[in-house]
Amino acid sequence: MVVLLDVSDPRSPQVVVTLPLPSDVDDLAFSPDGRRLAAGTDFDEAIRTWDITNPAHPAEPVTVGVQGGFVKSVAFSPDGRFLASAGANATVRLWDLDDPTDKIDPIVHPDVVFSVAFNGDGTVLASAGADGRVRLWDVHDPRRPAALAELDAHTERVYSVAFGPDGHTLASGSQDHTARLWDIDPAVAAARVCALADPPLGHVDWDRYFPGIAYDPPC
């Protein structure tokens, strides 16, 4: 089940409403405007949303889609239109909340995906999984996500990712007992590579450091 609490007085939270569900809930997310609540469930592998404009009387839940595996994480895009979900079936799914029948191809991973997060303007999606890597995806067009980069520093499963308010700082938390901060500002990354590059960065090194991104001499 899902329980909504009124925490106007944090010392004495009050139950507003209880929302029954047919399966365990692994993750919850509020839409940026606070009018929608999303839940990802395990055994029925579904993603549901509620209109909670009136928290005391939520609308009936809408099943957005089925992940195809236990749902480990859900996240709204900043404009509230798209919902991302991560699953035990080694995929990330993007759902158009204006048209739940729209079938967007899943983003396939090599193992279970535990967490997803959008950056501040909704153009980058981060995913973290059982292989110890954090992956970045270009979602300017959510129907055609493109791989941007893989961040490989953890030695165990990565259970959580979150963007900072600037949209360029990413935090990741892992079973290896570490939390890491990543600066994913392309300009900063290019400057660091240029400082190490002698001679200037060419096509071969560019493809090594920035796989999947068209060559653009940074130095």
C-alpha atoms as a PDB file:
ATOM      1  CA  MET A   1       0.000   0.000   0.000  1.00  0.00           C
ATOM      2  CA  VAL A   2       0.896   3.672  -0.293  1.00  0.00           C
ATOM      3  CA  VAL A   3       0.205   6.085   2.573  1.00  0.00           C
ATOM      4  CA  LEU A   4      -0.063   9.862   2.131  1.00  0.00           C
ATOM      5  CA  LEU A   5       0.877  11.864   5.224  1.00  0.00           C
ATOM      6  CA  ASP A   6       0.270  15.487   6.138  1.00  0.00           C
ATOM      7  CA  VAL A   7       3.602  16.677   7.536  1.00  0.00           C
ATOM      8  CA  SER A   8       2.636  20.296   8.175  1.00  0.00           C
ATOM      9  CA  ASP A   9       3.713  19.543  11.709  1.00  0.00           C
ATOM     10  CA  PRO A  10       6.746  17.231  11.260  1.00  0.00           C
ATOM     11  CA  ARG A  11       6.540  16.273  14.938  1.00  0.00           C
ATOM     12  CA  SER A  12       3.052  14.881  14.478  1.00  0.00           C
ATOM     13  CA  PRO A  13       2.437  13.640  10.896  1.00  0.00           C
ATOM     14  CA  GLN A  14      -1.144  12.695  10.120  1.00  0.00           C
ATOM     15  CA  VAL A  15      -2.354  10.008   7.739  1.00  0.00           C
ATOM     16  CA  VAL A  16      -4.397  11.638   4.963  1.00  0.00           C
ATOM     17  CA  VAL A  17      -5.282   8.586   2.884  1.00  0.00           C
ATOM     18  CA  THR A  18      -4.175   5.016   2.277  1.00  0.00           C
ATOM     19  CA  LEU A  19      -3.940   3.750  -1.282  1.00  0.00           C
ATOM     20  CA  PRO A  20      -4.172  -0.044  -1.596  1.00  0.00           C
ATOM     21  CA  LEU A  21      -2.079  -1.842  -4.202  1.00  0.00           C
ATOM     22  CA  PRO A  22      -1.920  -5.497  -5.257  1.00  0.00           C
ATOM     23  CA  SER A  23       1.867  -5.738  -4.969  1.00  0.00           C
ATOM     24  CA  ASP A  24       4.921  -4.551  -3.045  1.00  0.00           C
ATOM     25  CA  VAL A  25       6.002  -0.967  -3.756  1.00  0.00           C
ATOM     26  CA  ASP A  26       9.705  -0.377  -4.426  1.00  0.00           C
ATOM     27  CA  ASP A  27       9.680   3.319  -5.286  1.00  0.00           C
ATOM     28  CA  LEU A  28       7.536   6.467  -5.286  1.00  0.00           C
ATOM     29  CA  ALA A  29       7.868   9.856  -6.969  1.00  0.00           C
ATOM     30  CA  PHE A  30       5.904  13.113  -6.965  1.00  0.00           C
ATOM     31  CA  SER A  31       5.548  15.088 -10.184  1.00  0.00           C
ATOM     32  CA  PRO A  32       7.301  18.496 -10.089  1.00  0.00           C
ATOM     33  CA  ASP A  33       3.977  20.317  -9.639  1.00  0.00           C
ATOM     34  CA  GLY A  34       2.960  17.949  -6.828  1.00  0.00           C
ATOM     35  CA  ARG A  35      -0.280  16.954  -8.533  1.00  0.00           C
ATOM     36  CA  ARG A  36       0.697  13.412  -9.467  1.00  0.00           C
ATOM     37  CA  LEU A  37       2.111  10.514  -7.520  1.00  0.00           C
ATOM     38  CA  ALA A  38       3.758   7.545  -9.241  1.00  0.00           C
ATOM     39  CA  ALA A  39       4.463   4.111  -7.792  1.00  0.00           C
ATOM     40  CA  GLY A  40       6.446   1.189  -9.150  1.00  0.00           C
ATOM     41  CA  THR A  41       5.478  -2.255  -7.953  1.00  0.00           C
ATOM     42  CA  ASP A  42       7.127  -5.644  -7.843  1.00  0.00           C
ATOM     43  CA  PHE A  43       5.062  -8.723  -8.514  1.00  0.00           C
ATOM     44  CA  ASP A  44       2.644  -7.211 -11.021  1.00  0.00           C
ATOM     45  CA  GLU A  45       5.528  -5.174 -12.535  1.00  0.00           C
ATOM     46  CA  ALA A  46       3.294  -2.129 -13.103  1.00  0.00           C
ATOM     47  CA  ILE A  47       3.722   1.634 -12.951  1.00  0.00           C
ATOM     48  CA  ARG A  48       0.709   3.527 -11.604  1.00  0.00           C
ATOM     49  CA  THR A  49      -0.072   7.202 -11.149  1.00  0.00           C
ATOM     50  CA  TRP A  50      -2.674   9.040  -9.082  1.00  0.00           C
ATOM     51  CA  ASP A  51      -4.009  12.550  -9.483  1.00  0.00           C
ATOM     52  CA  ILE A  52      -3.552  13.893  -5.946  1.00  0.00           C
ATOM     53  CA  THR A  53      -4.595  17.500  -6.575  1.00  0.00           C
ATOM     54  CA  ASN A  54      -6.885  16.866  -3.617  1.00  0.00           C
ATOM     55  CA  PRO A  55      -4.717  14.605  -1.426  1.00  0.00           C
ATOM     56  CA  ALA A  56      -7.656  13.565   0.729  1.00  0.00           C
ATOM     57  CA  HIS A  57      -9.547  12.307  -2.323  1.00  0.00           C
ATOM     58  CA  PRO A  58      -7.083  11.000  -4.940  1.00  0.00           C
ATOM     59  CA  ALA A  59      -8.453   9.942  -8.307  1.00  0.00           C
ATOM     60  CA  GLU A  60      -8.494   6.267  -9.203  1.00  0.00           C
ATOM     61  CA  PRO A  61      -5.006   5.040 -10.146  1.00  0.00           C
ATOM     62  CA  VAL A  62      -4.024   4.912 -13.801  1.00  0.00           C
ATOM     63  CA  THR A  63      -1.775   2.059 -14.911  1.00  0.00           C
ATOM     64  CA  VAL A  64       0.788   3.741 -17.132  1.00  0.00           C
ATOM     65  CA  GLY A  65       2.411   0.517 -18.269  1.00  0.00           C
ATOM     66  CA  VAL A  66       4.128  -2.716 -17.307  1.00  0.00           C
ATOM     67  CA  GLN A  67       7.899  -2.755 -16.884  1.00  0.00           C
ATOM     68  CA  GLY A  68       8.337  -6.453 -17.631  1.00  0.00           C
ATOM     69  CA  GLY A  69      10.210  -6.984 -14.349  1.00  0.00           C
ATOM     70  CA  PHE A  70      10.085  -5.757 -10.762  1.00  0.00           C
ATOM     71  CA  VAL A  71      10.012  -1.927 -10.855  1.00  0.00           C
ATOM     72  CA  LYS A  72      13.001  -0.618  -8.913  1.00  0.00           C
ATOM     73  CA  SER A  73      12.775   3.133  -9.546  1.00  0.00           C
ATOM     74  CA  VAL A  74      10.487   5.795 -11.006  1.00  0.00           C
ATOM     75  CA  ALA A  75      11.231   9.442 -11.872  1.00  0.00           C
ATOM     76  CA  PHE A  76       9.244  12.269 -13.467  1.00  0.00           C
ATOM     77  CA  SER A  77      10.764  14.516 -16.129  1.00  0.00           C
ATOM     78  CA  PRO A  78      10.966  18.165 -14.995  1.00  0.00           C
ATOM     79  CA  ASP A  79       7.979  19.138 -17.167  1.00  0.00           C
ATOM     80  CA  GLY A  80       5.953  16.269 -15.678  1.00  0.00           C
ATOM     81  CA  ARG A  81       5.063  14.805 -19.059  1.00  0.00           C
ATOM     82  CA  PHE A  82       7.322  11.740 -19.083  1.00  0.00           C
ATOM     83  CA  LEU A  83       7.955   9.118 -16.448  1.00  0.00           C
ATOM     84  CA  ALA A  84      11.063   6.943 -16.395  1.00  0.00           C
ATOM     85  CA  SER A  85      11.104   3.528 -14.758  1.00  0.00           C
ATOM     86  CA  ALA A  86      13.924   1.101 -14.042  1.00  0.00           C
ATOM     87  CA  GLY A  87      13.463  -2.608 -13.719  1.00  0.00           C
ATOM     88  CA  ALA A  88      14.810  -5.980 -12.734  1.00  0.00           C
ATOM     89  CA  ASN A  89      14.433  -7.013 -16.379  1.00  0.00           C
ATOM     90  CA  ALA A  90      17.521  -4.916 -17.238  1.00  0.00           C
ATOM     91  CA  THR A  91      15.637  -2.131 -18.960  1.00  0.00           C
ATOM     92  CA  VAL A  92      14.727   1.512 -18.497  1.00  0.00           C
ATOM     93  CA  ARG A  93      11.346   2.534 -19.877  1.00  0.00           C
ATOM     94  CA  LEU A  94      10.030   5.993 -20.747  1.00  0.00           C
ATOM     95  CA  TRP A  95       6.296   6.598 -20.586  1.00  0.00           C
ATOM     96  CA  ASP A  96       4.397   9.501 -22.169  1.00  0.00           C
ATOM     97  CA  LEU A  97       1.834  10.403 -19.511  1.00  0.00           C
ATOM     98  CA  ASP A  98      -0.230  12.345 -22.052  1.00  0.00           C
ATOM     99  CA  ASP A  99      -0.581   9.166 -24.119  1.00  0.00           C
ATOM    100  CA  PRO A 100      -0.038   5.979 -22.069  1.00  0.00           C
ATOM    101  CA  THR A 101      -0.723   3.872 -25.188  1.00  0.00           C
ATOM    102  CA  ASP A 102       2.394   5.298 -26.870  1.00  0.00           C
ATOM    103  CA  LYS A 103       4.907   2.435 -26.987  1.00  0.00           C
ATOM    104  CA  ILE A 104       8.462   3.726 -26.577  1.00  0.00           C
ATOM    105  CA  ASP A 105      11.211   1.148 -27.060  1.00  0.00           C
ATOM    106  CA  PRO A 106      13.017   0.215 -23.815  1.00  0.00           C
ATOM    107  CA  ILE A 107      16.629   1.182 -23.128  1.00  0.00           C
ATOM    108  CA  VAL A 108      18.397  -2.152 -22.684  1.00  0.00           C
ATOM    109  CA  HIS A 109      21.071  -2.600 -19.990  1.00  0.00           C
ATOM    110  CA  PRO A 110      23.370  -5.561 -19.247  1.00  0.00           C
ATOM    111  CA  ASP A 111      21.847  -6.218 -15.802  1.00  0.00           C
ATOM    112  CA  VAL A 112      19.245  -5.061 -13.266  1.00  0.00           C
ATOM    113  CA  VAL A 113      18.694  -1.279 -13.172  1.00  0.00           C
ATOM    114  CA  PHE A 114      18.144   0.088  -9.673  1.00  0.00           C
ATOM    115  CA  SER A 115      17.768   3.833 -10.144  1.00  0.00           C
ATOM    116  CA  VAL A 116      16.918   6.530 -12.708  1.00  0.00           C
ATOM    117  CA  ALA A 117      17.021  10.335 -12.522  1.00  0.00           C
ATOM    118  CA  PHE A 118      16.495  13.278 -14.884  1.00  0.00           C
ATOM    119  CA  ASN A 119      18.712  16.343 -14.881  1.00  0.00           C
ATOM    120  CA  GLY A 120      17.179  19.769 -14.279  1.00  0.00           C
ATOM    121  CA  ASP A 121      16.092  20.515 -17.837  1.00  0.00           C
ATOM    122  CA  GLY A 122      15.064  16.958 -18.687  1.00  0.00           C
ATOM    123  CA  THR A 123      17.603  16.497 -21.482  1.00  0.00           C
ATOM    124  CA  VAL A 124      19.759  13.895 -19.717  1.00  0.00           C
ATOM    125  CA  LEU A 125      18.663  10.714 -17.961  1.00  0.00           C
ATOM    126  CA  ALA A 126      20.987   8.823 -15.619  1.00  0.00           C
ATOM    127  CA  SER A 127      20.599   5.135 -14.851  1.00  0.00           C
ATOM    128  CA  ALA A 128      22.460   2.976 -12.359  1.00  0.00           C
ATOM    129  CA  GLY A 129      22.644  -0.755 -12.112  1.00  0.00           C
ATOM    130  CA  ALA A 130      24.003  -4.053 -10.900  1.00  0.00           C
ATOM    131  CA  ASP A 131      27.094  -3.885 -13.130  1.00  0.00           C
ATOM    132  CA  GLY A 132      28.492  -1.004 -11.055  1.00  0.00           C
ATOM    133  CA  ARG A 133      28.159   1.592 -13.804  1.00  0.00           C
ATOM    134  CA  VAL A 134      26.221   4.809 -14.167  1.00  0.00           C
ATOM    135  CA  ARG A 135      24.980   5.506 -17.688  1.00  0.00           C
ATOM    136  CA  LEU A 136      23.970   8.836 -19.176  1.00  0.00           C
ATOM    137  CA  TRP A 137      21.385   9.120 -21.951  1.00  0.00           C
ATOM    138  CA  ASP A 138      20.473  12.013 -24.211  1.00  0.00           C
ATOM    139  CA  VAL A 139      16.681  12.311 -23.963  1.00  0.00           C
ATOM    140  CA  HIS A 140      16.128  15.558 -25.850  1.00  0.00           C
ATOM    141  CA  ASP A 141      13.726  13.341 -27.809  1.00  0.00           C
ATOM    142  CA  PRO A 142      12.449  10.841 -25.205  1.00  0.00           C
ATOM    143  CA  ARG A 143      11.298   8.534 -27.990  1.00  0.00           C
ATOM    144  CA  ARG A 144      14.855   8.221 -29.313  1.00  0.00           C
ATOM    145  CA  PRO A 145      17.227   8.139 -26.326  1.00  0.00           C
ATOM    146  CA  ALA A 146      20.913   8.048 -27.245  1.00  0.00           C
ATOM    147  CA  ALA A 147      23.862   6.867 -25.160  1.00  0.00           C
ATOM    148  CA  LEU A 148      26.110   9.679 -23.938  1.00  0.00           C
ATOM    149  CA  ALA A 149      28.610   8.133 -21.518  1.00  0.00           C
ATOM    150  CA  GLU A 150      29.332   5.407 -18.973  1.00  0.00           C
ATOM    151  CA  LEU A 151      30.756   6.370 -15.580  1.00  0.00           C
ATOM    152  CA  ASP A 152      32.843   3.487 -14.275  1.00  0.00           C
ATOM    153  CA  ALA A 153      34.366   3.984 -10.821  1.00  0.00           C
ATOM    154  CA  HIS A 154      32.273   1.882  -8.446  1.00  0.00           C
ATOM    155  CA  THR A 155      33.282  -1.712  -7.740  1.00  0.00           C
ATOM    156  CA  GLU A 156      29.840  -3.001  -6.691  1.00  0.00           C
ATOM    157  CA  ARG A 157      26.181  -2.413  -7.540  1.00  0.00           C
ATOM    158  CA  VAL A 158      25.048   1.187  -7.837  1.00  0.00           C
ATOM    159  CA  TYR A 159      21.726   1.582  -6.062  1.00  0.00           C
ATOM    160  CA  SER A 160      20.990   5.282  -6.414  1.00  0.00           C
ATOM    161  CA  VAL A 161      21.661   8.312  -8.639  1.00  0.00           C
ATOM    162  CA  ALA A 162      20.590  11.938  -8.205  1.00  0.00           C
ATOM    163  CA  PHE A 163      21.349  15.196 -10.033  1.00  0.00           C
ATOM    164  CA  GLY A 164      22.275  18.358  -8.178  1.00  0.00           C
ATOM    165  CA  PRO A 165      20.373  21.611  -8.745  1.00  0.00           C
ATOM    166  CA  ASP A 166      22.959  22.835 -11.267  1.00  0.00           C
ATOM    167  CA  GLY A 167      22.236  19.865 -13.550  1.00  0.00           C
ATOM    168  CA  HIS A 168      25.969  19.238 -13.999  1.00  0.00           C
ATOM    169  CA  THR A 169      26.668  17.430 -10.727  1.00  0.00           C
ATOM    170  CA  LEU A 170      25.601  13.820 -10.358  1.00  0.00           C
ATOM    171  CA  ALA A 171      25.749  11.752  -7.163  1.00  0.00           C
ATOM    172  CA  SER A 172      25.861   7.969  -7.111  1.00  0.00           C
ATOM    173  CA  GLY A 173      25.659   5.567  -4.185  1.00  0.00           C
ATOM    174  CA  SER A 174      26.935   2.011  -4.261  1.00  0.00           C
ATOM    175  CA  GLN A 175      27.164  -1.289  -2.441  1.00  0.00           C
ATOM    176  CA  ASP A 176      30.935  -0.659  -2.374  1.00  0.00           C
ATOM    177  CA  HIS A 177      30.276   1.671   0.604  1.00  0.00           C
ATOM    178  CA  THR A 178      31.029   4.832  -1.347  1.00  0.00           C
ATOM    179  CA  ALA A 179      29.088   7.795  -2.665  1.00  0.00           C
ATOM    180  CA  ARG A 180      30.645   9.612  -5.607  1.00  0.00           C
ATOM    181  CA  LEU A 181      30.149  13.046  -7.113  1.00  0.00           C
ATOM    182  CA  TRP A 182      30.576  13.467 -10.865  1.00  0.00           C
ATOM    183  CA  ASP A 183      30.988  16.698 -12.802  1.00  0.00           C
ATOM    184  CA  ILE A 184      29.302  15.975 -16.121  1.00  0.00           C
ATOM    185  CA  ASP A 185      29.544  19.487 -17.570  1.00  0.00           C
ATOM    186  CA  PRO A 186      30.907  18.832 -21.102  1.00  0.00           C
ATOM    187  CA  ALA A 187      32.979  22.040 -21.022  1.00  0.00           C
ATOM    188  CA  VAL A 188      34.704  21.020 -17.779  1.00  0.00           C
ATOM    189  CA  ALA A 189      35.345  17.512 -19.067  1.00  0.00           C
ATOM    190  CA  ALA A 190      36.812  18.860 -22.305  1.00  0.00           C
ATOM    191  CA  ALA A 191      39.113  21.231 -20.428  1.00  0.00           C
ATOM    192  CA  ARG A 192      40.437  18.390 -18.269  1.00  0.00           C
ATOM    193  CA  VAL A 193      41.106  16.202 -21.279  1.00  0.00           C
ATOM    194  CA  CYS A 194      42.803  19.077 -23.122  1.00  0.00           C
ATOM    195  CA  ALA A 195      45.079  19.671 -20.144  1.00  0.00           C
ATOM    196  CA  LEU A 196      46.280  16.073 -20.420  1.00  0.00           C
ATOM    197  CA  ALA A 197      46.366  15.894 -24.205  1.00  0.00           C
ATOM    198  CA  ASP A 198      49.656  16.528 -26.017  1.00  0.00           C
ATOM    199  CA  PRO A 199      49.336  16.733 -28.970  1.00  0.00           C
ATOM    200  CA  PRO A 200      45.777  18.173 -29.116  1.00  0.00           C
ATOM    201  CA  LEU A 201      42.927  15.731 -28.941  1.00  0.00           C
ATOM    202  CA  GLY A 202      42.346  13.903 -32.235  1.00  0.00           C
ATOM    203  CA  HIS A 203      39.639  11.608 -33.539  1.00  0.00           C
ATOM    204  CA  VAL A 204      41.001   8.458 -31.869  1.00  0.00           C
ATOM    205  CA  ASP A 205      41.250   9.935 -28.371  1.00  0.00           C
ATOM    206  CA  TRP A 206      37.949  11.766 -28.786  1.00  0.00           C
ATOM    207  CA  ASP A 207      36.180   8.448 -29.475  1.00  0.00           C
ATOM    208  CA  ARG A 208      37.880   7.001 -26.406  1.00  0.00           C
ATOM    209  CA  TYR A 209      36.850   9.754 -24.000  1.00  0.00           C
ATOM    210  CA  PHE A 210      33.507  10.743 -25.567  1.00  0.00           C
ATOM    211  CA  PRO A 211      32.028   7.618 -27.170  1.00  0.00           C
ATOM    212  CA  GLY A 212      28.920   8.233 -29.228  1.00  0.00           C
ATOM    213  CA  ILE A 213      29.438  12.011 -29.539  1.00  0.00           C
ATOM    214  CA  ALA A 214      30.384  13.547 -32.892  1.00  0.00           C
ATOM    215  CA  TYR A 215      33.975  14.865 -33.047  1.00  0.00           C
ATOM    216  CA  ASP A 216      34.264  18.557 -32.175  1.00  0.00           C
ATOM    217  CA  PRO A 217      37.870  19.701 -31.525  1.00  0.00           C
ATOM    218  CA  PRO A 218      37.813  21.133 -27.978  1.00  0.00           C
ATOM    219  CA  CYS A 219      41.396  22.401 -27.726  1.00  0.00           C
END
